[in-house]
Amino acid sequence: MSSAPSDVIRSGEHRLSRLDERAKHTLFTGARTANTFAETPVTDAELTGVWELVKWAPTSVNSQPLRVLFVRPGEGRDRLVKHMNERNRAKTATAPAVAVLAMDTRFHDHMPAVLPHKPEMKDVFAGNDALRAGTASFNATLQAGYFILAVRAQGLAAGPMGGFDAAAVDAEFFPDGRFRSLLVVNIGHPGKDPWHPRLPRLSNDDVVQWS
């Protein structure tokens, strides 16, 4: 006789598994922004695997407005590097892979597919510019956070950067105006002296309140 799955309580409620300390270290307590990268290649399968994790994380009305452009070394990378802030150019030029994360301003075109029980949400967003823009911006930014965690979950280091000319990147790579870049993320295995010294974090008393 087979037993019930360990993540399901007999009452029918679901029980989530707690990550072990090694997983917590990878995703959170040991996570660092990489500034140098080894020459070890990052495969297409590894990069695809990042999105295969990100896509499952929740967004409002399952909107999924994040779009990802992976940029390999070569002509495309040269076009990207020139729009990075000066202090970010060298590490962007040498990373095995770089992701440009953008929001899709017409994410609502996909609503009938991603929210099939409420296809009318496509028209709701189409008719409300403020709602559409706010949903796209917030949820794409939320997905960008998921993206960084997914990179780490793949055993890779992430170097997220906001230091770039977003308007120039959009004109270079998304000239039709539909996508708007939010973040650039260098991806690879850590290189020599990859981390800056660990900076302090706010304490529980500084951040958390109870009511």
C-alpha atoms as a PDB file:
ATOM      1  CA  MET A   1       0.000   0.000   0.000  1.00  0.00           C
ATOM      2  CA  SER A   2       1.514   3.346  -1.047  1.00  0.00           C
ATOM      3  CA  SER A   3       1.818   6.147   1.462  1.00  0.00           C
ATOM      4  CA  ALA A   4       0.681   9.710   0.898  1.00  0.00           C
ATOM      5  CA  PRO A   5       3.296  12.179  -0.419  1.00  0.00           C
ATOM      6  CA  SER A   6       5.323  13.735   2.371  1.00  0.00           C
ATOM      7  CA  ASP A   7       4.337  17.259   1.374  1.00  0.00           C
ATOM      8  CA  VAL A   8       0.601  16.641   1.789  1.00  0.00           C
ATOM      9  CA  ILE A   9      -1.051  16.639   5.193  1.00  0.00           C
ATOM     10  CA  ARG A  10      -3.815  14.080   5.639  1.00  0.00           C
ATOM     11  CA  SER A  11      -6.372  16.862   6.106  1.00  0.00           C
ATOM     12  CA  GLY A  12      -5.738  17.904   2.530  1.00  0.00           C
ATOM     13  CA  GLU A  13      -3.649  20.976   3.357  1.00  0.00           C
ATOM     14  CA  HIS A  14      -0.261  21.300   1.691  1.00  0.00           C
ATOM     15  CA  ARG A  15       2.963  21.437   3.642  1.00  0.00           C
ATOM     16  CA  LEU A  16       5.967  23.165   2.081  1.00  0.00           C
ATOM     17  CA  SER A  17       9.426  21.698   2.456  1.00  0.00           C
ATOM     18  CA  ARG A  18      11.986  23.744   4.352  1.00  0.00           C
ATOM     19  CA  LEU A  19      15.261  24.367   2.527  1.00  0.00           C
ATOM     20  CA  ASP A  20      18.377  22.945   4.132  1.00  0.00           C
ATOM     21  CA  GLU A  21      21.195  25.238   5.253  1.00  0.00           C
ATOM     22  CA  ARG A  22      23.195  24.645   2.076  1.00  0.00           C
ATOM     23  CA  ALA A  23      20.313  25.788  -0.123  1.00  0.00           C
ATOM     24  CA  LYS A  24      19.687  28.829   2.087  1.00  0.00           C
ATOM     25  CA  HIS A  25      23.374  29.700   1.805  1.00  0.00           C
ATOM     26  CA  THR A  26      23.257  29.461  -1.993  1.00  0.00           C
ATOM     27  CA  LEU A  27      20.170  31.609  -2.360  1.00  0.00           C
ATOM     28  CA  PHE A  28      20.435  34.048   0.542  1.00  0.00           C
ATOM     29  CA  THR A  29      22.988  34.030   3.355  1.00  0.00           C
ATOM     30  CA  GLY A  30      25.996  33.341   1.132  1.00  0.00           C
ATOM     31  CA  ALA A  31      24.715  35.158  -1.929  1.00  0.00           C
ATOM     32  CA  ARG A  32      27.008  37.842  -3.334  1.00  0.00           C
ATOM     33  CA  THR A  33      27.098  40.056  -6.402  1.00  0.00           C
ATOM     34  CA  ALA A  34      29.895  38.734  -8.632  1.00  0.00           C
ATOM     35  CA  ASN A  35      32.256  41.299 -10.149  1.00  0.00           C
ATOM     36  CA  THR A  36      34.653  38.950 -11.954  1.00  0.00           C
ATOM     37  CA  PHE A  37      33.961  35.741 -13.832  1.00  0.00           C
ATOM     38  CA  ALA A  38      35.929  32.632 -14.747  1.00  0.00           C
ATOM     39  CA  GLU A  39      36.345  31.620 -18.381  1.00  0.00           C
ATOM     40  CA  THR A  40      34.206  28.526 -17.734  1.00  0.00           C
ATOM     41  CA  PRO A  41      31.435  28.558 -20.351  1.00  0.00           C
ATOM     42  CA  VAL A  42      27.771  28.863 -19.434  1.00  0.00           C
ATOM     43  CA  THR A  43      25.700  26.615 -21.664  1.00  0.00           C
ATOM     44  CA  ASP A  44      22.463  27.422 -23.421  1.00  0.00           C
ATOM     45  CA  ALA A  45      20.851  24.660 -21.359  1.00  0.00           C
ATOM     46  CA  GLU A  46      21.924  26.341 -18.109  1.00  0.00           C
ATOM     47  CA  LEU A  47      20.485  29.668 -19.243  1.00  0.00           C
ATOM     48  CA  THR A  48      17.276  28.058 -20.412  1.00  0.00           C
ATOM     49  CA  GLY A  49      17.106  26.326 -17.034  1.00  0.00           C
ATOM     50  CA  VAL A  50      17.071  29.724 -15.329  1.00  0.00           C
ATOM     51  CA  TRP A  51      13.837  30.686 -17.061  1.00  0.00           C
ATOM     52  CA  GLU A  52      12.379  27.243 -16.454  1.00  0.00           C
ATOM     53  CA  LEU A  53      12.570  28.110 -12.744  1.00  0.00           C
ATOM     54  CA  VAL A  54      11.549  31.759 -12.985  1.00  0.00           C
ATOM     55  CA  LYS A  55       8.359  31.058 -14.925  1.00  0.00           C
ATOM     56  CA  TRP A  56       6.793  29.169 -12.016  1.00  0.00           C
ATOM     57  CA  ALA A  57       7.084  31.996  -9.481  1.00  0.00           C
ATOM     58  CA  PRO A  58       3.815  33.901  -8.950  1.00  0.00           C
ATOM     59  CA  THR A  59       2.860  37.243 -10.476  1.00  0.00           C
ATOM     60  CA  SER A  60      -0.320  39.298 -10.246  1.00  0.00           C
ATOM     61  CA  VAL A  61      -3.082  37.715 -12.375  1.00  0.00           C
ATOM     62  CA  ASN A  62      -0.310  35.475 -13.761  1.00  0.00           C
ATOM     63  CA  SER A  63       0.742  38.430 -15.910  1.00  0.00           C
ATOM     64  CA  GLN A  64       4.399  37.364 -16.388  1.00  0.00           C
ATOM     65  CA  PRO A  65       5.565  40.659 -17.972  1.00  0.00           C
ATOM     66  CA  LEU A  66       9.323  39.951 -17.740  1.00  0.00           C
ATOM     67  CA  ARG A  67      11.234  39.424 -20.982  1.00  0.00           C
ATOM     68  CA  VAL A  68      14.830  38.181 -21.147  1.00  0.00           C
ATOM     69  CA  LEU A  69      17.486  38.887 -23.757  1.00  0.00           C
ATOM     70  CA  PHE A  70      20.622  36.749 -23.358  1.00  0.00           C
ATOM     71  CA  VAL A  71      23.679  38.409 -24.878  1.00  0.00           C
ATOM     72  CA  ARG A  72      26.720  36.304 -25.709  1.00  0.00           C
ATOM     73  CA  PRO A  73      30.247  37.686 -26.344  1.00  0.00           C
ATOM     74  CA  GLY A  74      30.619  39.178 -29.787  1.00  0.00           C
ATOM     75  CA  GLU A  75      28.919  41.918 -31.758  1.00  0.00           C
ATOM     76  CA  GLY A  76      25.817  41.957 -29.558  1.00  0.00           C
ATOM     77  CA  ARG A  77      27.915  42.250 -26.407  1.00  0.00           C
ATOM     78  CA  ASP A  78      29.870  45.150 -27.880  1.00  0.00           C
ATOM     79  CA  ARG A  79      26.597  46.919 -28.573  1.00  0.00           C
ATOM     80  CA  LEU A  80      25.526  46.422 -24.972  1.00  0.00           C
ATOM     81  CA  VAL A  81      28.808  47.332 -23.271  1.00  0.00           C
ATOM     82  CA  LYS A  82      28.903  50.804 -24.794  1.00  0.00           C
ATOM     83  CA  HIS A  83      25.681  51.653 -22.934  1.00  0.00           C
ATOM     84  CA  MET A  84      26.874  50.424 -19.528  1.00  0.00           C
ATOM     85  CA  ASN A  85      28.216  52.857 -16.931  1.00  0.00           C
ATOM     86  CA  GLU A  86      31.992  53.001 -17.121  1.00  0.00           C
ATOM     87  CA  ARG A  87      32.580  50.999 -13.932  1.00  0.00           C
ATOM     88  CA  ASN A  88      30.360  48.191 -15.260  1.00  0.00           C
ATOM     89  CA  ARG A  89      31.866  47.865 -18.738  1.00  0.00           C
ATOM     90  CA  ALA A  90      34.831  45.576 -18.095  1.00  0.00           C
ATOM     91  CA  LYS A  91      32.888  42.972 -16.121  1.00  0.00           C
ATOM     92  CA  THR A  92      30.027  43.045 -18.609  1.00  0.00           C
ATOM     93  CA  ALA A  93      32.448  42.554 -21.479  1.00  0.00           C
ATOM     94  CA  THR A  94      34.091  39.515 -19.866  1.00  0.00           C
ATOM     95  CA  ALA A  95      31.098  37.661 -18.372  1.00  0.00           C
ATOM     96  CA  PRO A  96      30.286  34.373 -20.164  1.00  0.00           C
ATOM     97  CA  ALA A  97      26.656  35.440 -20.479  1.00  0.00           C
ATOM     98  CA  VAL A  98      24.661  38.589 -19.841  1.00  0.00           C
ATOM     99  CA  ALA A  99      20.905  38.923 -19.480  1.00  0.00           C
ATOM    100  CA  VAL A 100      19.017  42.112 -20.223  1.00  0.00           C
ATOM    101  CA  LEU A 101      15.781  41.980 -18.234  1.00  0.00           C
ATOM    102  CA  ALA A 102      12.925  44.026 -19.611  1.00  0.00           C
ATOM    103  CA  MET A 103       9.213  44.477 -19.101  1.00  0.00           C
ATOM    104  CA  ASP A 104       6.739  43.885 -21.900  1.00  0.00           C
ATOM    105  CA  THR A 105       4.427  46.889 -22.124  1.00  0.00           C
ATOM    106  CA  ARG A 106       1.964  44.731 -24.043  1.00  0.00           C
ATOM    107  CA  PHE A 107       2.051  41.778 -21.657  1.00  0.00           C
ATOM    108  CA  HIS A 108      -1.733  41.843 -21.683  1.00  0.00           C
ATOM    109  CA  ASP A 109      -1.796  40.430 -25.222  1.00  0.00           C
ATOM    110  CA  HIS A 110      -0.994  37.073 -23.599  1.00  0.00           C
ATOM    111  CA  MET A 111      -3.743  37.229 -20.967  1.00  0.00           C
ATOM    112  CA  PRO A 112      -6.136  34.825 -22.737  1.00  0.00           C
ATOM    113  CA  ALA A 113      -3.356  32.216 -22.742  1.00  0.00           C
ATOM    114  CA  VAL A 114      -1.998  32.741 -19.217  1.00  0.00           C
ATOM    115  CA  LEU A 115      -5.346  33.481 -17.534  1.00  0.00           C
ATOM    116  CA  PRO A 116      -7.749  31.354 -19.572  1.00  0.00           C
ATOM    117  CA  HIS A 117     -10.569  31.548 -17.024  1.00  0.00           C
ATOM    118  CA  LYS A 118     -10.607  35.377 -17.334  1.00  0.00           C
ATOM    119  CA  PRO A 119      -9.612  36.239 -20.915  1.00  0.00           C
ATOM    120  CA  GLU A 120     -11.449  39.540 -20.575  1.00  0.00           C
ATOM    121  CA  MET A 121      -8.484  40.843 -18.536  1.00  0.00           C
ATOM    122  CA  LYS A 122      -6.777  41.558 -21.839  1.00  0.00           C
ATOM    123  CA  ASP A 123      -9.373  44.249 -22.546  1.00  0.00           C
ATOM    124  CA  VAL A 124      -9.311  45.500 -18.954  1.00  0.00           C
ATOM    125  CA  PHE A 125      -5.580  46.218 -19.218  1.00  0.00           C
ATOM    126  CA  ALA A 126      -5.880  47.556 -22.750  1.00  0.00           C
ATOM    127  CA  GLY A 127      -8.386  50.136 -21.555  1.00  0.00           C
ATOM    128  CA  ASN A 128      -6.497  51.296 -18.465  1.00  0.00           C
ATOM    129  CA  ASP A 129      -3.023  52.729 -19.123  1.00  0.00           C
ATOM    130  CA  ALA A 130      -2.182  53.319 -15.449  1.00  0.00           C
ATOM    131  CA  LEU A 131      -3.201  49.811 -14.386  1.00  0.00           C
ATOM    132  CA  ARG A 132      -1.294  48.254 -17.285  1.00  0.00           C
ATOM    133  CA  ALA A 133       1.893  50.248 -16.626  1.00  0.00           C
ATOM    134  CA  GLY A 134       1.824  49.625 -12.884  1.00  0.00           C
ATOM    135  CA  THR A 135       1.207  45.908 -13.293  1.00  0.00           C
ATOM    136  CA  ALA A 136       4.001  45.570 -15.849  1.00  0.00           C
ATOM    137  CA  SER A 137       6.548  47.525 -13.820  1.00  0.00           C
ATOM    138  CA  PHE A 138       5.880  45.909 -10.450  1.00  0.00           C
ATOM    139  CA  ASN A 139       5.599  42.342 -11.641  1.00  0.00           C
ATOM    140  CA  ALA A 140       8.541  42.465 -14.041  1.00  0.00           C
ATOM    141  CA  THR A 141      10.667  43.850 -11.206  1.00  0.00           C
ATOM    142  CA  LEU A 142       9.384  41.071  -8.960  1.00  0.00           C
ATOM    143  CA  GLN A 143      10.335  38.532 -11.626  1.00  0.00           C
ATOM    144  CA  ALA A 144      13.791  40.110 -11.896  1.00  0.00           C
ATOM    145  CA  GLY A 145      14.312  39.185  -8.243  1.00  0.00           C
ATOM    146  CA  TYR A 146      13.154  35.655  -8.994  1.00  0.00           C
ATOM    147  CA  PHE A 147      15.595  35.611 -11.921  1.00  0.00           C
ATOM    148  CA  ILE A 148      18.594  36.358  -9.694  1.00  0.00           C
ATOM    149  CA  LEU A 149      17.587  33.572  -7.305  1.00  0.00           C
ATOM    150  CA  ALA A 150      17.141  31.192 -10.235  1.00  0.00           C
ATOM    151  CA  VAL A 151      20.641  31.976 -11.516  1.00  0.00           C
ATOM    152  CA  ARG A 152      22.036  31.045  -8.109  1.00  0.00           C
ATOM    153  CA  ALA A 153      19.865  27.923  -7.966  1.00  0.00           C
ATOM    154  CA  GLN A 154      21.538  26.846 -11.223  1.00  0.00           C
ATOM    155  CA  GLY A 155      24.933  26.979  -9.497  1.00  0.00           C
ATOM    156  CA  LEU A 156      25.919  30.204 -11.215  1.00  0.00           C
ATOM    157  CA  ALA A 157      26.884  33.639  -9.937  1.00  0.00           C
ATOM    158  CA  ALA A 158      24.799  36.699 -10.738  1.00  0.00           C
ATOM    159  CA  GLY A 159      26.024  40.250 -11.118  1.00  0.00           C
ATOM    160  CA  PRO A 160      22.888  42.429 -11.352  1.00  0.00           C
ATOM    161  CA  MET A 161      23.425  46.054 -12.375  1.00  0.00           C
ATOM    162  CA  GLY A 162      21.225  49.090 -12.712  1.00  0.00           C
ATOM    163  CA  GLY A 163      24.128  51.199 -13.945  1.00  0.00           C
ATOM    164  CA  PHE A 164      23.367  51.538 -17.640  1.00  0.00           C
ATOM    165  CA  ASP A 165      21.597  53.865 -20.069  1.00  0.00           C
ATOM    166  CA  ALA A 166      18.213  52.171 -20.254  1.00  0.00           C
ATOM    167  CA  ALA A 167      16.882  54.410 -23.022  1.00  0.00           C
ATOM    168  CA  ALA A 168      19.943  53.683 -25.157  1.00  0.00           C
ATOM    169  CA  VAL A 169      19.712  49.934 -24.493  1.00  0.00           C
ATOM    170  CA  ASP A 170      16.051  49.997 -25.485  1.00  0.00           C
ATOM    171  CA  ALA A 171      16.836  51.865 -28.693  1.00  0.00           C
ATOM    172  CA  GLU A 172      19.658  49.417 -29.458  1.00  0.00           C
ATOM    173  CA  PHE A 173      17.862  46.147 -28.762  1.00  0.00           C
ATOM    174  CA  PHE A 174      14.129  46.914 -28.531  1.00  0.00           C
ATOM    175  CA  PRO A 175      13.599  49.623 -31.154  1.00  0.00           C
ATOM    176  CA  ASP A 176       9.867  49.010 -31.578  1.00  0.00           C
ATOM    177  CA  GLY A 177       9.322  50.366 -28.036  1.00  0.00           C
ATOM    178  CA  ARG A 178       7.411  47.364 -26.714  1.00  0.00           C
ATOM    179  CA  PHE A 179      10.067  46.201 -24.236  1.00  0.00           C
ATOM    180  CA  ARG A 180      11.678  48.487 -21.646  1.00  0.00           C
ATOM    181  CA  SER A 181      14.873  47.389 -19.930  1.00  0.00           C
ATOM    182  CA  LEU A 182      14.997  47.199 -16.137  1.00  0.00           C
ATOM    183  CA  LEU A 183      18.184  45.383 -15.165  1.00  0.00           C
ATOM    184  CA  VAL A 184      21.341  43.907 -16.660  1.00  0.00           C
ATOM    185  CA  VAL A 185      22.641  40.704 -15.063  1.00  0.00           C
ATOM    186  CA  ASN A 186      26.099  39.261 -15.679  1.00  0.00           C
ATOM    187  CA  ILE A 187      26.075  35.461 -15.361  1.00  0.00           C
ATOM    188  CA  GLY A 188      28.864  32.926 -14.936  1.00  0.00           C
ATOM    189  CA  HIS A 189      31.124  31.154 -12.484  1.00  0.00           C
ATOM    190  CA  PRO A 190      33.003  33.424 -10.046  1.00  0.00           C
ATOM    191  CA  GLY A 191      36.459  34.536 -11.158  1.00  0.00           C
ATOM    192  CA  LYS A 192      39.438  35.877  -9.224  1.00  0.00           C
ATOM    193  CA  ASP A 193      38.507  37.999  -6.178  1.00  0.00           C
ATOM    194  CA  PRO A 194      34.854  38.126  -7.298  1.00  0.00           C
ATOM    195  CA  TRP A 195      33.307  39.670  -4.192  1.00  0.00           C
ATOM    196  CA  HIS A 196      33.540  43.043  -2.512  1.00  0.00           C
ATOM    197  CA  PRO A 197      33.730  42.881   1.304  1.00  0.00           C
ATOM    198  CA  ARG A 198      30.422  41.926   2.858  1.00  0.00           C
ATOM    199  CA  LEU A 199      28.505  45.038   3.915  1.00  0.00           C
ATOM    200  CA  PRO A 200      26.316  45.249   7.036  1.00  0.00           C
ATOM    201  CA  ARG A 201      22.648  44.316   6.948  1.00  0.00           C
ATOM    202  CA  LEU A 202      19.850  45.922   8.914  1.00  0.00           C
ATOM    203  CA  SER A 203      18.824  44.014  12.013  1.00  0.00           C
ATOM    204  CA  ASN A 204      15.445  42.540  12.791  1.00  0.00           C
ATOM    205  CA  ASP A 205      14.818  45.429  15.224  1.00  0.00           C
ATOM    206  CA  ASP A 206      15.522  47.970  12.485  1.00  0.00           C
ATOM    207  CA  VAL A 207      13.087  46.464  10.007  1.00  0.00           C
ATOM    208  CA  VAL A 208      10.364  44.342  11.571  1.00  0.00           C
ATOM    209  CA  GLN A 209       7.303  45.609  13.418  1.00  0.00           C
ATOM    210  CA  TRP A 210       4.462  43.656  14.971  1.00  0.00           C
ATOM    211  CA  SER A 211       0.838  44.629  15.310  1.00  0.00           C
END
